[in-house]
PDB file of N, CA and C in Angstrom:
ATOM      1  N   MET A   1      48.801  29.239 -42.479  1.00  0.00           N
ATOM      2  CA  MET A   1      48.989  27.816 -42.473  1.00  0.00           C
ATOM      3  C   MET A   1      49.129  27.375 -41.017  1.00  0.00           C
ATOM      4  N   GLU A   2      48.741  26.144 -40.765  1.00  0.00           N
ATOM      5  CA  GLU A   2      48.861  25.574 -39.432  1.00  0.00           C
ATOM      6  C   GLU A   2      49.629  24.265 -39.535  1.00  0.00           C
ATOM      7  N   ARG A   3      50.583  24.086 -38.619  1.00  0.00           N
ATOM      8  CA  ARG A   3      51.322  22.823 -38.543  1.00  0.00           C
ATOM      9  C   ARG A   3      51.059  22.192 -37.189  1.00  0.00           C
ATOM     10  N   ARG A   4      50.814  20.891 -37.188  1.00  0.00           N
ATOM     11  CA  ARG A   4      50.616  20.147 -35.949  1.00  0.00           C
ATOM     12  C   ARG A   4      51.637  19.009 -35.901  1.00  0.00           C
ATOM     13  N   HIS A   5      52.290  18.906 -34.757  1.00  0.00           N
ATOM     14  CA  HIS A   5      53.251  17.834 -34.535  1.00  0.00           C
ATOM     15  C   HIS A   5      52.592  16.831 -33.596  1.00  0.00           C
ATOM     16  N   LEU A   6      52.387  15.620 -34.097  1.00  0.00           N
ATOM     17  CA  LEU A   6      51.656  14.607 -33.356  1.00  0.00           C
ATOM     18  C   LEU A   6      52.510  13.371 -33.125  1.00  0.00           C
ATOM     19  N   THR A   7      52.256  12.699 -32.025  1.00  0.00           N
ATOM     20  CA  THR A   7      52.793  11.372 -31.792  1.00  0.00           C
ATOM     21  C   THR A   7      51.717  10.388 -32.231  1.00  0.00           C
ATOM     22  N   PRO A   8      52.030   9.434 -33.067  1.00  0.00           N
ATOM     23  CA  PRO A   8      51.013   8.488 -33.524  1.00  0.00           C
ATOM     24  C   PRO A   8      50.258   7.863 -32.345  1.00  0.00           C
ATOM     25  N   GLY A   9      48.933   7.873 -32.463  1.00  0.00           N
ATOM     26  CA  GLY A   9      48.084   7.297 -31.435  1.00  0.00           C
ATOM     27  C   GLY A   9      47.668   8.249 -30.330  1.00  0.00           C
ATOM     28  N   GLN A  10      48.291   9.419 -30.256  1.00  0.00           N
ATOM     29  CA  GLN A  10      47.951  10.396 -29.226  1.00  0.00           C
ATOM     30  C   GLN A  10      46.870  11.340 -29.724  1.00  0.00           C
ATOM     31  N   TRP A  11      45.980  11.755 -28.822  1.00  0.00           N
ATOM     32  CA  TRP A  11      44.872  12.633 -29.170  1.00  0.00           C
ATOM     33  C   TRP A  11      45.336  14.074 -29.351  1.00  0.00           C
ATOM     34  N   ASP A  12      46.111  14.582 -28.402  1.00  0.00           N
ATOM     35  CA  ASP A  12      46.538  15.986 -28.429  1.00  0.00           C
ATOM     36  C   ASP A  12      47.885  16.126 -29.143  1.00  0.00           C
ATOM     37  N   PRO A  13      48.027  17.160 -29.950  1.00  0.00           N
ATOM     38  CA  PRO A  13      49.316  17.392 -30.601  1.00  0.00           C
ATOM     39  C   PRO A  13      50.363  17.853 -29.589  1.00  0.00           C
ATOM     40  N   LEU A  14      51.600  17.521 -29.860  1.00  0.00           N
ATOM     41  CA  LEU A  14      52.701  17.980 -29.021  1.00  0.00           C
ATOM     42  C   LEU A  14      52.924  19.477 -29.212  1.00  0.00           C
ATOM     43  N   LEU A  15      52.695  19.934 -30.436  1.00  0.00           N
ATOM     44  CA  LEU A  15      52.964  21.324 -30.777  1.00  0.00           C
ATOM     45  C   LEU A  15      52.053  21.734 -31.925  1.00  0.00           C
ATOM     46  N   ILE A  16      51.475  22.921 -31.807  1.00  0.00           N
ATOM     47  CA  ILE A  16      50.714  23.520 -32.898  1.00  0.00           C
ATOM     48  C   ILE A  16      51.416  24.827 -33.234  1.00  0.00           C
ATOM     49  N   GLU A  17      51.663  25.045 -34.504  1.00  0.00           N
ATOM     50  CA  GLU A  17      52.302  26.282 -34.952  1.00  0.00           C
ATOM     51  C   GLU A  17      51.441  26.944 -36.020  1.00  0.00           C
ATOM     52  N   LEU A  18      51.270  28.244 -35.901  1.00  0.00           N
ATOM     53  CA  LEU A  18      50.641  29.054 -36.941  1.00  0.00           C
ATOM     54  C   LEU A  18      51.780  29.650 -37.757  1.00  0.00           C
ATOM     55  N   VAL A  19      51.746  29.451 -39.066  1.00  0.00           N
ATOM     56  CA  VAL A  19      52.861  29.846 -39.929  1.00  0.00           C
ATOM     57  C   VAL A  19      52.371  30.870 -40.943  1.00  0.00           C
ATOM     58  N   GLN A  20      53.052  31.997 -41.005  1.00  0.00           N
ATOM     59  CA  GLN A  20      52.723  33.049 -41.968  1.00  0.00           C
ATOM     60  C   GLN A  20      53.322  32.657 -43.319  1.00  0.00           C
ATOM     61  N   GLY A  21      52.473  32.578 -44.332  1.00  0.00           N
ATOM     62  CA  GLY A  21      52.938  32.144 -45.647  1.00  0.00           C
ATOM     63  C   GLY A  21      53.672  33.205 -46.428  1.00  0.00           C
ATOM     64  N   ALA A  22      53.523  34.459 -46.053  1.00  0.00           N
ATOM     65  CA  ALA A  22      54.175  35.551 -46.772  1.00  0.00           C
ATOM     66  C   ALA A  22      54.784  36.495 -45.747  1.00  0.00           C
ATOM     67  N   GLY A  23      55.211  37.622 -46.200  1.00  0.00           N
ATOM     68  CA  GLY A  23      55.769  38.610 -45.281  1.00  0.00           C
ATOM     69  C   GLY A  23      57.036  38.096 -44.633  1.00  0.00           C
ATOM     70  N   LEU A  24      57.069  38.090 -43.316  1.00  0.00           N
ATOM     71  CA  LEU A  24      58.257  37.673 -42.585  1.00  0.00           C
ATOM     72  C   LEU A  24      58.290  36.173 -42.320  1.00  0.00           C
ATOM     73  N   ALA A  25      57.283  35.440 -42.787  1.00  0.00           N
ATOM     74  CA  ALA A  25      57.204  33.985 -42.605  1.00  0.00           C
ATOM     75  C   ALA A  25      57.343  33.598 -41.140  1.00  0.00           C
ATOM     76  N   ARG A  26      56.659  34.339 -40.296  1.00  0.00           N
ATOM     77  CA  ARG A  26      56.705  34.080 -38.854  1.00  0.00           C
ATOM     78  C   ARG A  26      56.086  32.737 -38.517  1.00  0.00           C
ATOM     79  N   THR A  27      56.552  32.145 -37.433  1.00  0.00           N
ATOM     80  CA  THR A  27      55.969  30.941 -36.869  1.00  0.00           C
ATOM     81  C   THR A  27      55.624  31.246 -35.428  1.00  0.00           C
ATOM     82  N   VAL A  28      54.348  31.023 -35.063  1.00  0.00           N
ATOM     83  CA  VAL A  28      53.869  31.345 -33.728  1.00  0.00           C
ATOM     84  C   VAL A  28      53.324  30.074 -33.080  1.00  0.00           C
ATOM     85  N   PRO A  29      53.844  29.697 -31.907  1.00  0.00           N
ATOM     86  CA  PRO A  29      53.270  28.544 -31.224  1.00  0.00           C
ATOM     87  C   PRO A  29      51.850  28.871 -30.763  1.00  0.00           C
ATOM     88  N   ALA A  30      50.962  27.876 -30.805  1.00  0.00           N
ATOM     89  CA  ALA A  30      49.568  28.101 -30.431  1.00  0.00           C
ATOM     90  C   ALA A  30      49.048  26.904 -29.654  1.00  0.00           C
ATOM     91  N   ASP A  31      48.100  27.170 -28.757  1.00  0.00           N
ATOM     92  CA  ASP A  31      47.397  26.061 -28.133  1.00  0.00           C
ATOM     93  C   ASP A  31      46.177  25.733 -28.993  1.00  0.00           C
ATOM     94  N   GLN A  32      45.429  24.719 -28.585  1.00  0.00           N
ATOM     95  CA  GLN A  32      44.295  24.297 -29.404  1.00  0.00           C
ATOM     96  C   GLN A  32      43.228  25.380 -29.514  1.00  0.00           C
ATOM     97  N   ALA A  33      42.994  26.143 -28.449  1.00  0.00           N
ATOM     98  CA  ALA A  33      41.968  27.194 -28.489  1.00  0.00           C
ATOM     99  C   ALA A  33      42.345  28.290 -29.472  1.00  0.00           C
ATOM    100  N   LEU A  34      43.596  28.722 -29.462  1.00  0.00           N
ATOM    101  CA  LEU A  34      44.034  29.762 -30.396  1.00  0.00           C
ATOM    102  C   LEU A  34      43.985  29.239 -31.829  1.00  0.00           C
ATOM    103  N   ALA A  35      44.466  28.021 -32.056  1.00  0.00           N
ATOM    104  CA  ALA A  35      44.441  27.449 -33.405  1.00  0.00           C
ATOM    105  C   ALA A  35      43.009  27.318 -33.918  1.00  0.00           C
ATOM    106  N   ALA A  36      42.100  26.869 -33.059  1.00  0.00           N
ATOM    107  CA  ALA A  36      40.695  26.727 -33.467  1.00  0.00           C
ATOM    108  C   ALA A  36      40.072  28.080 -33.759  1.00  0.00           C
ATOM    109  N   THR A  37      40.392  29.069 -32.935  1.00  0.00           N
ATOM    110  CA  THR A  37      39.858  30.412 -33.133  1.00  0.00           C
ATOM    111  C   THR A  37      40.338  30.995 -34.450  1.00  0.00           C
ATOM    112  N   VAL A  38      41.629  30.946 -34.693  1.00  0.00           N
ATOM    113  CA  VAL A  38      42.188  31.483 -35.941  1.00  0.00           C
ATOM    114  C   VAL A  38      41.630  30.724 -37.145  1.00  0.00           C
ATOM    115  N   GLY A  39      41.492  29.420 -37.015  1.00  0.00           N
ATOM    116  CA  GLY A  39      40.974  28.619 -38.111  1.00  0.00           C
ATOM    117  C   GLY A  39      39.535  28.934 -38.470  1.00  0.00           C
ATOM    118  N   ALA A  40      38.774  29.444 -37.501  1.00  0.00           N
ATOM    119  CA  ALA A  40      37.356  29.742 -37.736  1.00  0.00           C
ATOM    120  C   ALA A  40      37.110  31.196 -38.127  1.00  0.00           C
ATOM    121  N   LEU A  41      38.128  32.023 -38.147  1.00  0.00           N
ATOM    122  CA  LEU A  41      37.955  33.439 -38.494  1.00  0.00           C
ATOM    123  C   LEU A  41      37.853  33.600 -40.012  1.00  0.00           C
ATOM    124  N   ASP A  42      36.678  33.308 -40.539  1.00  0.00           N
ATOM    125  CA  ASP A  42      36.467  33.419 -41.984  1.00  0.00           C
ATOM    126  C   ASP A  42      35.594  34.613 -42.361  1.00  0.00           C
ATOM    127  N   GLY A  43      35.266  35.442 -41.384  1.00  0.00           N
ATOM    128  CA  GLY A  43      34.483  36.640 -41.664  1.00  0.00           C
ATOM    129  C   GLY A  43      32.992  36.486 -41.460  1.00  0.00           C
ATOM    130  N   THR A  44      32.523  35.286 -41.195  1.00  0.00           N
ATOM    131  CA  THR A  44      31.082  35.098 -41.007  1.00  0.00           C
ATOM    132  C   THR A  44      30.644  35.358 -39.570  1.00  0.00           C
ATOM    133  N   LEU A  45      31.547  35.188 -38.618  1.00  0.00           N
ATOM    134  CA  LEU A  45      31.250  35.434 -37.204  1.00  0.00           C
ATOM    135  C   LEU A  45      32.232  36.453 -36.640  1.00  0.00           C
ATOM    136  N   THR A  46      31.818  37.130 -35.580  1.00  0.00           N
ATOM    137  CA  THR A  46      32.737  38.036 -34.900  1.00  0.00           C
ATOM    138  C   THR A  46      33.743  37.219 -34.106  1.00  0.00           C
ATOM    139  N   LEU A  47      34.808  37.863 -33.700  1.00  0.00           N
ATOM    140  CA  LEU A  47      35.814  37.194 -32.880  1.00  0.00           C
ATOM    141  C   LEU A  47      35.184  36.681 -31.588  1.00  0.00           C
ATOM    142  N   GLY A  48      34.332  37.484 -30.972  1.00  0.00           N
ATOM    143  CA  GLY A  48      33.663  37.057 -29.748  1.00  0.00           C
ATOM    144  C   GLY A  48      32.791  35.829 -29.952  1.00  0.00           C
ATOM    145  N   GLN A  49      32.096  35.775 -31.072  1.00  0.00           N
ATOM    146  CA  GLN A  49      31.262  34.608 -31.377  1.00  0.00           C
ATOM    147  C   GLN A  49      32.115  33.362 -31.604  1.00  0.00           C
ATOM    148  N   VAL A  50      33.243  33.527 -32.268  1.00  0.00           N
ATOM    149  CA  VAL A  50      34.134  32.396 -32.523  1.00  0.00           C
ATOM    150  C   VAL A  50      34.696  31.871 -31.211  1.00  0.00           C
ATOM    151  N   ILE A  51      35.148  32.756 -30.337  1.00  0.00           N
ATOM    152  CA  ILE A  51      35.684  32.323 -29.044  1.00  0.00           C
ATOM    153  C   ILE A  51      34.612  31.599 -28.238  1.00  0.00           C
ATOM    154  N   ALA A  52      33.393  32.129 -28.232  1.00  0.00           N
ATOM    155  CA  ALA A  52      32.295  31.481 -27.511  1.00  0.00           C
ATOM    156  C   ALA A  52      32.013  30.090 -28.081  1.00  0.00           C
ATOM    157  N   ALA A  53      32.054  29.952 -29.397  1.00  0.00           N
ATOM    158  CA  ALA A  53      31.803  28.654 -30.028  1.00  0.00           C
ATOM    159  C   ALA A  53      32.911  27.657 -29.695  1.00  0.00           C
ATOM    160  N   VAL A  54      34.152  28.101 -29.738  1.00  0.00           N
ATOM    161  CA  VAL A  54      35.279  27.231 -29.386  1.00  0.00           C
ATOM    162  C   VAL A  54      35.134  26.760 -27.943  1.00  0.00           C
ATOM    163  N   CYS A  55      34.751  27.658 -27.053  1.00  0.00           N
ATOM    164  CA  CYS A  55      34.565  27.299 -25.647  1.00  0.00           C
ATOM    165  C   CYS A  55      33.405  26.327 -25.467  1.00  0.00           C
ATOM    166  N   ALA A  56      32.347  26.520 -26.216  1.00  0.00           N
ATOM    167  CA  ALA A  56      31.204  25.605 -26.138  1.00  0.00           C
ATOM    168  C   ALA A  56      31.601  24.204 -26.586  1.00  0.00           C
ATOM    169  N   LEU A  57      32.434  24.124 -27.594  1.00  0.00           N
ATOM    170  CA  LEU A  57      32.863  22.819 -28.103  1.00  0.00           C
ATOM    171  C   LEU A  57      33.876  22.126 -27.202  1.00  0.00           C
ATOM    172  N   THR A  58      34.620  22.901 -26.436  1.00  0.00           N
ATOM    173  CA  THR A  58      35.695  22.332 -25.615  1.00  0.00           C
ATOM    174  C   THR A  58      35.415  22.381 -24.118  1.00  0.00           C
ATOM    175  N   ASP A  59      34.252  22.883 -23.735  1.00  0.00           N
ATOM    176  CA  ASP A  59      33.890  23.038 -22.314  1.00  0.00           C
ATOM    177  C   ASP A  59      34.869  23.930 -21.558  1.00  0.00           C
ATOM    178  N   ALA A  60      35.478  24.870 -22.246  1.00  0.00           N
ATOM    179  CA  ALA A  60      36.403  25.810 -21.611  1.00  0.00           C
ATOM    180  C   ALA A  60      35.635  27.020 -21.093  1.00  0.00           C
ATOM    181  N   ASP A  61      36.185  27.689 -20.103  1.00  0.00           N
ATOM    182  CA  ASP A  61      35.589  28.897 -19.545  1.00  0.00           C
ATOM    183  C   ASP A  61      35.762  30.047 -20.541  1.00  0.00           C
ATOM    184  N   VAL A  62      34.659  30.698 -20.890  1.00  0.00           N
ATOM    185  CA  VAL A  62      34.684  31.751 -21.912  1.00  0.00           C
ATOM    186  C   VAL A  62      35.546  32.935 -21.473  1.00  0.00           C
ATOM    187  N   GLU A  63      35.367  33.407 -20.255  1.00  0.00           N
ATOM    188  CA  GLU A  63      36.115  34.601 -19.801  1.00  0.00           C
ATOM    189  C   GLU A  63      37.619  34.322 -19.727  1.00  0.00           C
ATOM    190  N   GLU A  64      38.001  33.159 -19.217  1.00  0.00           N
ATOM    191  CA  GLU A  64      39.420  32.814 -19.118  1.00  0.00           C
ATOM    192  C   GLU A  64      40.021  32.661 -20.506  1.00  0.00           C
ATOM    193  N   THR A  65      39.297  32.009 -21.379  1.00  0.00           N
ATOM    194  CA  THR A  65      39.788  31.804 -22.744  1.00  0.00           C
ATOM    195  C   THR A  65      39.893  33.132 -23.482  1.00  0.00           C
ATOM    196  N   ARG A  66      38.881  33.979 -23.340  1.00  0.00           N
ATOM    197  CA  ARG A  66      38.910  35.291 -23.993  1.00  0.00           C
ATOM    198  C   ARG A  66      40.108  36.101 -23.508  1.00  0.00           C
ATOM    199  N   ALA A  67      40.363  36.086 -22.199  1.00  0.00           N
ATOM    200  CA  ALA A  67      41.486  36.849 -21.646  1.00  0.00           C
ATOM    201  C   ALA A  67      42.826  36.342 -22.181  1.00  0.00           C
ATOM    202  N   ARG A  68      42.902  35.066 -22.484  1.00  0.00           N
ATOM    203  CA  ARG A  68      44.138  34.480 -22.981  1.00  0.00           C
ATOM    204  C   ARG A  68      44.271  34.627 -24.493  1.00  0.00           C
ATOM    205  N   ILE A  69      43.156  34.525 -25.212  1.00  0.00           N
ATOM    206  CA  ILE A  69      43.179  34.520 -26.676  1.00  0.00           C
ATOM    207  C   ILE A  69      43.263  35.920 -27.282  1.00  0.00           C
ATOM    208  N   LEU A  70      42.553  36.886 -26.708  1.00  0.00           N
ATOM    209  CA  LEU A  70      42.509  38.229 -27.309  1.00  0.00           C
ATOM    210  C   LEU A  70      43.888  38.856 -27.525  1.00  0.00           C
ATOM    211  N   PRO A  71      44.786  38.839 -26.539  1.00  0.00           N
ATOM    212  CA  PRO A  71      46.113  39.422 -26.804  1.00  0.00           C
ATOM    213  C   PRO A  71      46.860  38.709 -27.936  1.00  0.00           C
ATOM    214  N   ALA A  72      46.710  37.397 -28.013  1.00  0.00           N
ATOM    215  CA  ALA A  72      47.385  36.646 -29.080  1.00  0.00           C
ATOM    216  C   ALA A  72      46.799  37.001 -30.444  1.00  0.00           C
ATOM    217  N   VAL A  73      45.476  37.116 -30.538  1.00  0.00           N
ATOM    218  CA  VAL A  73      44.841  37.465 -31.814  1.00  0.00           C
ATOM    219  C   VAL A  73      45.198  38.902 -32.203  1.00  0.00           C
ATOM    220  N   ARG A  74      45.261  39.796 -31.241  1.00  0.00           N
ATOM    221  CA  ARG A  74      45.682  41.177 -31.535  1.00  0.00           C
ATOM    222  C   ARG A  74      47.083  41.189 -32.143  1.00  0.00           C
ATOM    223  N   GLU A  75      47.987  40.423 -31.541  1.00  0.00           N
ATOM    224  CA  GLU A  75      49.358  40.355 -32.049  1.00  0.00           C
ATOM    225  C   GLU A  75      49.380  39.772 -33.467  1.00  0.00           C
ATOM    226  N   LEU A  76      48.578  38.738 -33.701  1.00  0.00           N
ATOM    227  CA  LEU A  76      48.515  38.146 -35.040  1.00  0.00           C
ATOM    228  C   LEU A  76      47.958  39.138 -36.052  1.00  0.00           C
ATOM    229  N   ALA A  77      46.978  39.946 -35.633  1.00  0.00           N
ATOM    230  CA  ALA A  77      46.406  40.961 -36.523  1.00  0.00           C
ATOM    231  C   ALA A  77      47.418  42.064 -36.810  1.00  0.00           C
ATOM    232  N   LEU A  78      48.152  42.495 -35.784  1.00  0.00           N
ATOM    233  CA  LEU A  78      49.150  43.548 -35.974  1.00  0.00           C
ATOM    234  C   LEU A  78      50.271  43.126 -36.916  1.00  0.00           C
ATOM    235  N   THR A  79      50.613  41.860 -36.897  1.00  0.00           N
ATOM    236  CA  THR A  79      51.686  41.377 -37.756  1.00  0.00           C
ATOM    237  C   THR A  79      51.198  40.883 -39.113  1.00  0.00           C
ATOM    238  N   GLY A  80      49.894  40.968 -39.347  1.00  0.00           N
ATOM    239  CA  GLY A  80      49.337  40.601 -40.637  1.00  0.00           C
ATOM    240  C   GLY A  80      49.064  39.122 -40.825  1.00  0.00           C
ATOM    241  N   MET A  81      49.144  38.337 -39.753  1.00  0.00           N
ATOM    242  CA  MET A  81      48.890  36.898 -39.882  1.00  0.00           C
ATOM    243  C   MET A  81      47.402  36.582 -39.953  1.00  0.00           C
ATOM    244  N   VAL A  82      46.563  37.446 -39.387  1.00  0.00           N
ATOM    245  CA  VAL A  82      45.112  37.311 -39.513  1.00  0.00           C
ATOM    246  C   VAL A  82      44.524  38.678 -39.841  1.00  0.00           C
ATOM    247  N   THR A  83      43.376  38.664 -40.475  1.00  0.00           N
ATOM    248  CA  THR A  83      42.659  39.893 -40.783  1.00  0.00           C
ATOM    249  C   THR A  83      41.303  39.796 -40.120  1.00  0.00           C
ATOM    250  N   LEU A  84      40.960  40.818 -39.351  1.00  0.00           N
ATOM    251  CA  LEU A  84      39.670  40.820 -38.670  1.00  0.00           C
ATOM    252  C   LEU A  84      38.700  41.707 -39.396  1.00  0.00           C
TER     253      LEU A  84
END
């Protein structure tokens, strides 16, 4: 599950949280790139393809984003919040 805390009228959320619905019910703060990446991991694309697509949509640098996102996704996979 994903929770977004928004101020009415503002484009960017103040806070994005990824919430584990089972297990330890962990809550992990996320930026927009991590939230978009996790949201797109439906098994049709590889993690690398998803990161590249998120970067293409947001004009973010692929290498910088990959370096920042991969450790977070690994941690989410280790704790069972995502399945790769």
